[in-house]
Protein backbone atom coordinates (compact mmCIF):
# COMPACT_ATOMS: atom_id res chain seq x y z
CA UNK A 1 86.54 33.95 62.82
CA UNK A 2 89.32 35.22 60.61
CA UNK A 3 89.66 32.74 57.76
CA UNK A 4 91.34 32.13 54.45
CA UNK A 5 89.95 30.34 51.42
CA UNK A 6 93.15 28.26 51.29
CA UNK A 7 93.15 27.25 54.96
CA UNK A 8 92.79 23.50 55.56
CA UNK A 9 92.26 24.09 59.29
CA UNK A 10 89.37 26.48 58.50
CA UNK A 11 87.85 23.69 56.40
CA UNK A 12 88.34 21.25 59.26
CA UNK A 13 86.58 23.66 61.70
CA UNK A 14 83.74 24.16 59.21
CA UNK A 15 83.33 20.38 58.87
CA UNK A 16 83.57 19.53 62.61
CA UNK A 17 82.08 22.53 64.36
CA UNK A 18 80.47 24.78 61.71
CA UNK A 19 77.27 22.81 61.26
CA UNK A 20 76.35 22.89 64.99
CA UNK A 21 77.98 26.10 66.19
CA UNK A 22 74.92 28.38 65.87
CA UNK A 23 72.70 25.75 67.54
CA UNK A 24 74.81 25.57 70.75
CA UNK A 25 74.49 27.77 73.84
CA UNK A 26 77.92 29.12 73.08
CA UNK A 27 76.97 29.96 69.53
CA UNK A 28 73.87 31.76 70.68
CA UNK A 29 75.81 33.71 73.32
CA UNK A 30 78.68 34.64 70.98
CA UNK A 31 77.46 34.48 67.33
CA UNK A 32 80.12 33.81 64.74
CA UNK A 33 81.09 36.39 62.17
CA UNK A 34 83.41 35.13 59.43
CA UNK A 35 85.96 37.62 58.09
CA UNK A 36 88.26 36.80 55.21
CA UNK A 37 91.88 37.86 55.69
CA UNK A 38 92.00 38.51 51.94
CA UNK A 39 89.31 41.23 51.95
CA UNK A 40 89.05 44.65 53.55
CA UNK A 41 88.11 44.30 57.20
CA UNK A 42 84.77 45.78 58.39
CA UNK A 43 85.36 49.12 60.11
CA UNK A 44 84.24 47.89 63.53
CA UNK A 45 87.02 45.20 63.51
CA UNK A 46 89.91 47.23 62.10
CA UNK A 47 91.42 47.62 65.57
CA UNK A 48 92.05 43.87 65.74
CA UNK A 49 95.72 43.31 65.06
CA UNK A 50 98.11 40.40 65.01
CA UNK A 51 96.14 37.90 62.92
CA UNK A 52 98.97 35.54 62.00
CA UNK A 53 97.18 32.18 61.64
CA UNK A 54 93.90 31.12 60.14
CA UNK A 55 91.56 30.38 61.56
CA UNK A 56 91.78 32.85 64.43
CA UNK A 57 88.74 33.29 66.61
CA UNK A 58 88.59 36.67 68.35
CA UNK A 59 85.99 37.27 71.00
CA UNK A 60 85.18 40.99 70.60
CA UNK A 61 82.79 42.93 72.85
CA UNK A 62 82.01 46.62 72.86
CA UNK A 63 85.12 47.57 70.89
CA UNK A 64 87.57 45.50 72.92
CA UNK A 65 89.15 42.13 72.57
CA UNK A 66 88.29 39.66 75.30
CA UNK A 67 90.62 36.97 73.98
CA UNK A 68 91.38 34.75 71.00
CA UNK A 69 91.99 31.26 69.84
CA UNK A 70 94.74 31.09 67.22
CA UNK A 71 94.44 28.11 64.97
CA UNK A 72 92.08 25.19 65.34
CA UNK A 73 93.23 22.65 67.94
CA UNK A 74 90.46 20.15 67.26
CA UNK A 75 86.81 20.06 68.29
CA UNK A 76 87.12 19.13 71.98
CA UNK A 77 89.90 21.67 72.62
CA UNK A 78 88.04 24.35 70.68
CA UNK A 79 84.94 24.08 72.88
CA UNK A 80 87.01 24.20 76.05
CA UNK A 81 88.97 27.25 74.93
CA UNK A 82 85.79 28.96 73.77
CA UNK A 83 84.25 28.27 77.17
CA UNK A 84 87.19 29.97 78.87
CA UNK A 85 86.76 33.06 76.63
CA UNK A 86 83.04 33.20 77.41
CA UNK A 87 83.80 33.00 81.16
CA UNK A 88 86.14 35.98 80.72
CA UNK A 89 83.43 37.83 78.79
CA UNK A 90 80.85 37.14 81.51
CA UNK A 91 83.27 38.20 84.24
CA UNK A 92 84.04 41.48 82.43
CA UNK A 93 80.35 42.23 81.92
CA UNK A 94 79.72 41.71 85.69
CA UNK A 95 82.53 44.13 86.46
CA UNK A 96 81.04 46.69 84.00
CA UNK A 97 77.64 46.38 85.70
CA UNK A 98 79.17 46.83 89.13
CA UNK A 99 80.97 49.99 87.95
CA UNK A 100 77.74 51.33 86.48
CA UNK A 101 75.88 50.65 89.73
CA UNK A 102 78.64 52.32 91.81
CA UNK A 103 80.03 55.16 89.78
CA UNK A 104 83.07 56.98 91.11
CA UNK A 105 82.26 59.89 93.36
CA UNK A 106 83.58 63.31 92.60
CA UNK A 107 83.09 66.26 94.87
CA UNK A 108 84.11 67.65 98.21
CA UNK A 109 83.46 65.55 101.32
CA UNK A 110 80.82 67.03 103.65
CA UNK A 111 82.22 68.64 106.79
CA UNK A 112 85.49 69.91 105.37
């Protein structure tokens, strides 16, 4: 979560979702890290560009952005949008496992 100390929508998220986030299945699957837009960004997140609104929730996995929610559309919309991002994350992880199980073949075909 990219936030600002002067962001009323960040405050609204913290009031409505913040107290329960870490207790939910979603919060356990994708723990929240809060990053102030007013401070230097941690090295691992410096590749994230285009933060225009606060709050912005970026789902980041293994050095790549899965997706983001810009702004806070209210509690019910937030959970739905977060669910879509988690589905995208799960789908990408399944594809990664399939690639690892079936690595590309390099070499010369037998019989040629």
